[in-house]
Amino acid sequence: MLLLFMLAVAAIRIPNAAHFGIWSNFTPIGAMGLFGGAYFSNKWKAAIFPLLTLFISDLIVHIIVFKGSYGIIYDGWYKIYAIFLLIVFIGRWMIRRVSFKNVLFAGIAASLTHWLLADLSVWLSGGTDLRTMQPLSRGLDGLMQCYLQGLPYMRNFLLGTLAYSGLMFGAFEWMKSRNTSLQTA
């Protein structure tokens, strides 16, 4: 059942990752990290839950959609995967008891963490200033421009994380209330 869920999420992410548009980065992967951290007692399961989903969808996007023109996976993928490991930790640390407030604050913390670290990584690796199509400057102004360019993606990541967290946590808590034998994984 869990594998089917992961495949469904990967399928949701594929069109989103393959096309840059108004909904770019509105994905359930952040919510999966929080959910895994909050519910999975086994740390490996908690980490594998979002990372394997991300990996499967990354491979499909890069091999099938982009036909390998960017390789089988993007440069710096390991940095993004490490950020999602941090999101699992945020879920484990901030959602010890599932409540609307705890899930909301964890979703905000996860989104800010993702934005700040992912865009720092872009800047450190010589990302492009979209105003000039030249490399971002190495000073504070270049870093701030990088963060500014990333705001629409951060907004969508936040909205996706909160929306999918509401669905995932809400559905699981509802199922637990209906079936008292349902245990966390």
C-alpha atoms as a PDB file:
ATOM      1  CA  MET A   1       0.000   0.000   0.000  1.00  0.00           C
ATOM      2  CA  LEU A   2       2.819   2.377   0.904  1.00  0.00           C
ATOM      3  CA  LEU A   3       4.598   1.638  -2.382  1.00  0.00           C
ATOM      4  CA  LEU A   4       1.428   2.452  -4.343  1.00  0.00           C
ATOM      5  CA  PHE A   5       1.142   5.731  -2.473  1.00  0.00           C
ATOM      6  CA  MET A   6       4.774   6.575  -3.274  1.00  0.00           C
ATOM      7  CA  LEU A   7       4.233   5.795  -6.962  1.00  0.00           C
ATOM      8  CA  ALA A   8       1.104   7.962  -7.009  1.00  0.00           C
ATOM      9  CA  VAL A   9       3.023  10.871  -5.480  1.00  0.00           C
ATOM     10  CA  ALA A  10       5.846  10.390  -7.969  1.00  0.00           C
ATOM     11  CA  ALA A  11       3.259  10.519 -10.757  1.00  0.00           C
ATOM     12  CA  ILE A  12       1.854  13.773  -9.349  1.00  0.00           C
ATOM     13  CA  ARG A  13       5.338  15.296  -9.223  1.00  0.00           C
ATOM     14  CA  ILE A  14       6.406  14.346 -12.767  1.00  0.00           C
ATOM     15  CA  PRO A  15       4.331  16.876 -14.751  1.00  0.00           C
ATOM     16  CA  ASN A  16       5.159  19.517 -12.153  1.00  0.00           C
ATOM     17  CA  ALA A  17       8.916  18.933 -12.396  1.00  0.00           C
ATOM     18  CA  ALA A  18       8.872  18.612 -16.175  1.00  0.00           C
ATOM     19  CA  HIS A  19       7.275  22.004 -16.787  1.00  0.00           C
ATOM     20  CA  PHE A  20       8.231  25.315 -15.198  1.00  0.00           C
ATOM     21  CA  GLY A  21       5.029  27.209 -14.661  1.00  0.00           C
ATOM     22  CA  ILE A  22       2.855  28.904 -12.104  1.00  0.00           C
ATOM     23  CA  TRP A  23       2.569  25.703 -10.025  1.00  0.00           C
ATOM     24  CA  SER A  24       6.243  24.693 -10.164  1.00  0.00           C
ATOM     25  CA  ASN A  25       7.357  23.182  -6.858  1.00  0.00           C
ATOM     26  CA  PHE A  26       3.787  22.596  -5.604  1.00  0.00           C
ATOM     27  CA  THR A  27       4.504  19.003  -4.638  1.00  0.00           C
ATOM     28  CA  PRO A  28       3.775  16.533  -1.822  1.00  0.00           C
ATOM     29  CA  ILE A  29       7.432  15.648  -1.171  1.00  0.00           C
ATOM     30  CA  GLY A  30       7.840  18.085   1.740  1.00  0.00           C
ATOM     31  CA  ALA A  31       4.656  16.750   3.343  1.00  0.00           C
ATOM     32  CA  MET A  32       5.942  13.211   2.889  1.00  0.00           C
ATOM     33  CA  GLY A  33       9.125  14.131   4.750  1.00  0.00           C
ATOM     34  CA  LEU A  34       7.153  15.616   7.640  1.00  0.00           C
ATOM     35  CA  PHE A  35       4.738  12.667   7.663  1.00  0.00           C
ATOM     36  CA  GLY A  36       7.560  10.117   7.630  1.00  0.00           C
ATOM     37  CA  GLY A  37       9.356  11.928  10.433  1.00  0.00           C
ATOM     38  CA  ALA A  38       6.198  12.177  12.541  1.00  0.00           C
ATOM     39  CA  TYR A  39       4.769   8.682  12.070  1.00  0.00           C
ATOM     40  CA  PHE A  40       7.520   6.225  11.161  1.00  0.00           C
ATOM     41  CA  SER A  41       9.276   4.907  14.247  1.00  0.00           C
ATOM     42  CA  ASN A  42      11.957   3.349  12.028  1.00  0.00           C
ATOM     43  CA  LYS A  43      14.295   6.187  10.973  1.00  0.00           C
ATOM     44  CA  TRP A  44      15.219   4.432   7.729  1.00  0.00           C
ATOM     45  CA  LYS A  45      11.567   4.123   6.690  1.00  0.00           C
ATOM     46  CA  ALA A  46      11.023   7.767   7.592  1.00  0.00           C
ATOM     47  CA  ALA A  47      13.885   8.809   5.283  1.00  0.00           C
ATOM     48  CA  ILE A  48      13.203   6.356   2.461  1.00  0.00           C
ATOM     49  CA  PHE A  49       9.528   7.369   2.215  1.00  0.00           C
ATOM     50  CA  PRO A  50      10.153  10.801   0.618  1.00  0.00           C
ATOM     51  CA  LEU A  51      13.631  10.149  -0.814  1.00  0.00           C
ATOM     52  CA  LEU A  52      12.696   7.083  -2.839  1.00  0.00           C
ATOM     53  CA  THR A  53       9.655   8.913  -4.192  1.00  0.00           C
ATOM     54  CA  LEU A  54      11.823  11.887  -5.141  1.00  0.00           C
ATOM     55  CA  PHE A  55      14.414   9.598  -6.737  1.00  0.00           C
ATOM     56  CA  ILE A  56      11.860   7.660  -8.807  1.00  0.00           C
ATOM     57  CA  SER A  57      10.245  10.834 -10.091  1.00  0.00           C
ATOM     58  CA  ASP A  58      13.649  12.444 -10.766  1.00  0.00           C
ATOM     59  CA  LEU A  59      14.713   9.460 -12.854  1.00  0.00           C
ATOM     60  CA  ILE A  60      11.471   9.463 -14.838  1.00  0.00           C
ATOM     61  CA  VAL A  61      11.680  13.209 -15.476  1.00  0.00           C
ATOM     62  CA  HIS A  62      15.324  13.131 -16.535  1.00  0.00           C
ATOM     63  CA  ILE A  63      15.377   9.891 -18.509  1.00  0.00           C
ATOM     64  CA  ILE A  64      11.920   9.837 -20.104  1.00  0.00           C
ATOM     65  CA  VAL A  65      10.630  13.414 -20.159  1.00  0.00           C
ATOM     66  CA  PHE A  66      13.948  15.173 -20.856  1.00  0.00           C
ATOM     67  CA  LYS A  67      15.257  12.134 -22.775  1.00  0.00           C
ATOM     68  CA  GLY A  68      18.560  12.177 -20.875  1.00  0.00           C
ATOM     69  CA  SER A  69      19.631  15.546 -22.261  1.00  0.00           C
ATOM     70  CA  TYR A  70      20.605  16.655 -18.729  1.00  0.00           C
ATOM     71  CA  GLY A  71      21.942  13.269 -17.645  1.00  0.00           C
ATOM     72  CA  ILE A  72      20.026  10.803 -15.520  1.00  0.00           C
ATOM     73  CA  ILE A  73      19.832  13.216 -12.574  1.00  0.00           C
ATOM     74  CA  TYR A  74      20.612  16.890 -12.018  1.00  0.00           C
ATOM     75  CA  ASP A  75      23.846  18.335 -10.650  1.00  0.00           C
ATOM     76  CA  GLY A  76      23.712  18.865  -6.913  1.00  0.00           C
ATOM     77  CA  TRP A  77      20.936  16.308  -6.386  1.00  0.00           C
ATOM     78  CA  TYR A  78      22.628  15.084  -3.210  1.00  0.00           C
ATOM     79  CA  LYS A  79      22.254  18.569  -1.655  1.00  0.00           C
ATOM     80  CA  ILE A  80      18.504  18.568  -2.292  1.00  0.00           C
ATOM     81  CA  TYR A  81      18.155  15.034  -0.941  1.00  0.00           C
ATOM     82  CA  ALA A  82      20.055  16.096   2.204  1.00  0.00           C
ATOM     83  CA  ILE A  83      17.597  18.964   2.627  1.00  0.00           C
ATOM     84  CA  PHE A  84      14.735  16.463   2.508  1.00  0.00           C
ATOM     85  CA  LEU A  85      16.488  14.430   5.202  1.00  0.00           C
ATOM     86  CA  LEU A  86      16.430  17.607   7.296  1.00  0.00           C
ATOM     87  CA  ILE A  87      12.696  17.893   6.607  1.00  0.00           C
ATOM     88  CA  VAL A  88      12.222  14.353   7.945  1.00  0.00           C
ATOM     89  CA  PHE A  89      14.104  15.456  11.068  1.00  0.00           C
ATOM     90  CA  ILE A  90      11.867  18.558  11.337  1.00  0.00           C
ATOM     91  CA  GLY A  91       8.821  16.264  11.229  1.00  0.00           C
ATOM     92  CA  ARG A  92      10.287  14.008  13.912  1.00  0.00           C
ATOM     93  CA  TRP A  93      11.273  16.947  16.116  1.00  0.00           C
ATOM     94  CA  MET A  94       8.323  19.337  15.682  1.00  0.00           C
ATOM     95  CA  ILE A  95       5.426  16.886  15.329  1.00  0.00           C
ATOM     96  CA  ARG A  96       5.793  14.680  18.385  1.00  0.00           C
ATOM     97  CA  ARG A  97       2.043  15.074  18.844  1.00  0.00           C
ATOM     98  CA  VAL A  98      -0.066  15.601  15.735  1.00  0.00           C
ATOM     99  CA  SER A  99      -2.069  18.817  15.914  1.00  0.00           C
ATOM    100  CA  PHE A 100      -3.036  21.498  13.419  1.00  0.00           C
ATOM    101  CA  LYS A 101      -0.581  23.934  15.034  1.00  0.00           C
ATOM    102  CA  ASN A 102       2.353  21.480  15.090  1.00  0.00           C
ATOM    103  CA  VAL A 103       1.833  20.434  11.462  1.00  0.00           C
ATOM    104  CA  LEU A 104       1.425  24.078  10.367  1.00  0.00           C
ATOM    105  CA  PHE A 105       4.607  25.264  12.103  1.00  0.00           C
ATOM    106  CA  ALA A 106       6.569  22.222  10.900  1.00  0.00           C
ATOM    107  CA  GLY A 107       5.368  22.885   7.341  1.00  0.00           C
ATOM    108  CA  ILE A 108       6.522  26.500   7.567  1.00  0.00           C
ATOM    109  CA  ALA A 109       9.882  25.471   9.084  1.00  0.00           C
ATOM    110  CA  ALA A 110      10.387  22.792   6.416  1.00  0.00           C
ATOM    111  CA  SER A 111       9.585  25.222   3.601  1.00  0.00           C
ATOM    112  CA  LEU A 112      11.895  27.928   4.923  1.00  0.00           C
ATOM    113  CA  THR A 113      14.665  25.357   5.420  1.00  0.00           C
ATOM    114  CA  HIS A 114      14.201  24.063   1.870  1.00  0.00           C
ATOM    115  CA  TRP A 115      14.201  27.563   0.363  1.00  0.00           C
ATOM    116  CA  LEU A 116      17.174  28.914   2.303  1.00  0.00           C
ATOM    117  CA  LEU A 117      19.402  25.861   1.839  1.00  0.00           C
ATOM    118  CA  ALA A 118      18.418  25.022  -1.761  1.00  0.00           C
ATOM    119  CA  ASP A 119      18.903  28.588  -2.951  1.00  0.00           C
ATOM    120  CA  LEU A 120      22.155  28.920  -0.988  1.00  0.00           C
ATOM    121  CA  SER A 121      23.293  25.833  -2.879  1.00  0.00           C
ATOM    122  CA  VAL A 122      22.276  27.426  -6.200  1.00  0.00           C
ATOM    123  CA  TRP A 123      24.203  30.585  -5.344  1.00  0.00           C
ATOM    124  CA  LEU A 124      27.296  28.683  -4.167  1.00  0.00           C
ATOM    125  CA  SER A 125      27.338  26.649  -7.390  1.00  0.00           C
ATOM    126  CA  GLY A 126      27.285  29.785  -9.561  1.00  0.00           C
ATOM    127  CA  GLY A 127      23.587  30.098 -10.391  1.00  0.00           C
ATOM    128  CA  THR A 128      22.245  32.501 -12.995  1.00  0.00           C
ATOM    129  CA  ASP A 129      20.905  35.999 -12.354  1.00  0.00           C
ATOM    130  CA  LEU A 130      17.636  35.869 -14.288  1.00  0.00           C
ATOM    131  CA  ARG A 131      17.701  39.628 -14.884  1.00  0.00           C
ATOM    132  CA  THR A 132      20.981  39.520 -16.807  1.00  0.00           C
ATOM    133  CA  MET A 133      21.363  35.811 -17.609  1.00  0.00           C
ATOM    134  CA  GLN A 134      24.895  36.115 -16.194  1.00  0.00           C
ATOM    135  CA  PRO A 135      26.257  34.281 -13.132  1.00  0.00           C
ATOM    136  CA  LEU A 136      25.026  35.659  -9.823  1.00  0.00           C
ATOM    137  CA  SER A 137      27.550  37.957  -8.159  1.00  0.00           C
ATOM    138  CA  ARG A 138      29.567  36.393  -5.338  1.00  0.00           C
ATOM    139  CA  GLY A 139      28.592  39.101  -2.831  1.00  0.00           C
ATOM    140  CA  LEU A 140      25.606  39.511  -0.547  1.00  0.00           C
ATOM    141  CA  ASP A 141      23.670  41.194  -3.375  1.00  0.00           C
ATOM    142  CA  GLY A 142      24.029  38.045  -5.496  1.00  0.00           C
ATOM    143  CA  LEU A 143      22.821  35.831  -2.646  1.00  0.00           C
ATOM    144  CA  MET A 144      19.837  38.129  -2.017  1.00  0.00           C
ATOM    145  CA  GLN A 145      19.011  38.087  -5.748  1.00  0.00           C
ATOM    146  CA  CYS A 146      19.146  34.287  -5.671  1.00  0.00           C
ATOM    147  CA  TYR A 147      16.721  34.205  -2.728  1.00  0.00           C
ATOM    148  CA  LEU A 148      14.452  36.721  -4.459  1.00  0.00           C
ATOM    149  CA  GLN A 149      14.387  34.601  -7.624  1.00  0.00           C
ATOM    150  CA  GLY A 150      13.477  31.579  -5.523  1.00  0.00           C
ATOM    151  CA  LEU A 151      10.505  33.191  -3.748  1.00  0.00           C
ATOM    152  CA  PRO A 152       7.831  31.923  -6.190  1.00  0.00           C
ATOM    153  CA  TYR A 153       9.168  28.381  -5.818  1.00  0.00           C
ATOM    154  CA  MET A 154       9.317  28.732  -2.031  1.00  0.00           C
ATOM    155  CA  ARG A 155       5.719  29.962  -1.989  1.00  0.00           C
ATOM    156  CA  ASN A 156       4.611  26.962  -4.019  1.00  0.00           C
ATOM    157  CA  PHE A 157       6.672  24.561  -1.912  1.00  0.00           C
ATOM    158  CA  LEU A 158       5.057  26.024   1.215  1.00  0.00           C
ATOM    159  CA  LEU A 159       1.551  25.803  -0.242  1.00  0.00           C
ATOM    160  CA  GLY A 160       2.137  22.255  -1.494  1.00  0.00           C
ATOM    161  CA  THR A 161       3.662  21.149   1.806  1.00  0.00           C
ATOM    162  CA  LEU A 162       0.775  22.620   3.812  1.00  0.00           C
ATOM    163  CA  ALA A 163      -1.971  21.348   1.489  1.00  0.00           C
ATOM    164  CA  TYR A 164      -0.596  17.816   1.204  1.00  0.00           C
ATOM    165  CA  SER A 165       0.254  17.750   4.926  1.00  0.00           C
ATOM    166  CA  GLY A 166      -3.366  18.599   5.676  1.00  0.00           C
ATOM    167  CA  LEU A 167      -4.497  15.745   3.439  1.00  0.00           C
ATOM    168  CA  MET A 168      -1.975  13.198   4.663  1.00  0.00           C
ATOM    169  CA  PHE A 169      -2.068  13.943   8.387  1.00  0.00           C
ATOM    170  CA  GLY A 170      -5.814  14.520   8.341  1.00  0.00           C
ATOM    171  CA  ALA A 171      -6.561  11.299   6.466  1.00  0.00           C
ATOM    172  CA  PHE A 172      -4.267   9.230   8.661  1.00  0.00           C
ATOM    173  CA  GLU A 173      -5.647  10.662  11.899  1.00  0.00           C
ATOM    174  CA  TRP A 174      -9.188  10.095  10.616  1.00  0.00           C
ATOM    175  CA  MET A 175      -8.307   6.476   9.728  1.00  0.00           C
ATOM    176  CA  LYS A 176      -6.759   6.000  13.186  1.00  0.00           C
ATOM    177  CA  SER A 177      -9.969   7.262  14.805  1.00  0.00           C
ATOM    178  CA  ARG A 178     -11.974   4.713  12.780  1.00  0.00           C
ATOM    179  CA  ASN A 179      -9.601   1.816  13.292  1.00  0.00           C
ATOM    180  CA  THR A 180      -8.005   1.701  16.727  1.00  0.00           C
ATOM    181  CA  SER A 181      -5.729  -1.141  15.680  1.00  0.00           C
ATOM    182  CA  LEU A 182      -4.004   1.083  13.109  1.00  0.00           C
ATOM    183  CA  GLN A 183      -0.448   1.579  14.317  1.00  0.00           C
ATOM    184  CA  THR A 184       2.253   3.910  13.114  1.00  0.00           C
ATOM    185  CA  ALA A 185       4.716   2.273  10.763  1.00  0.00           C
END
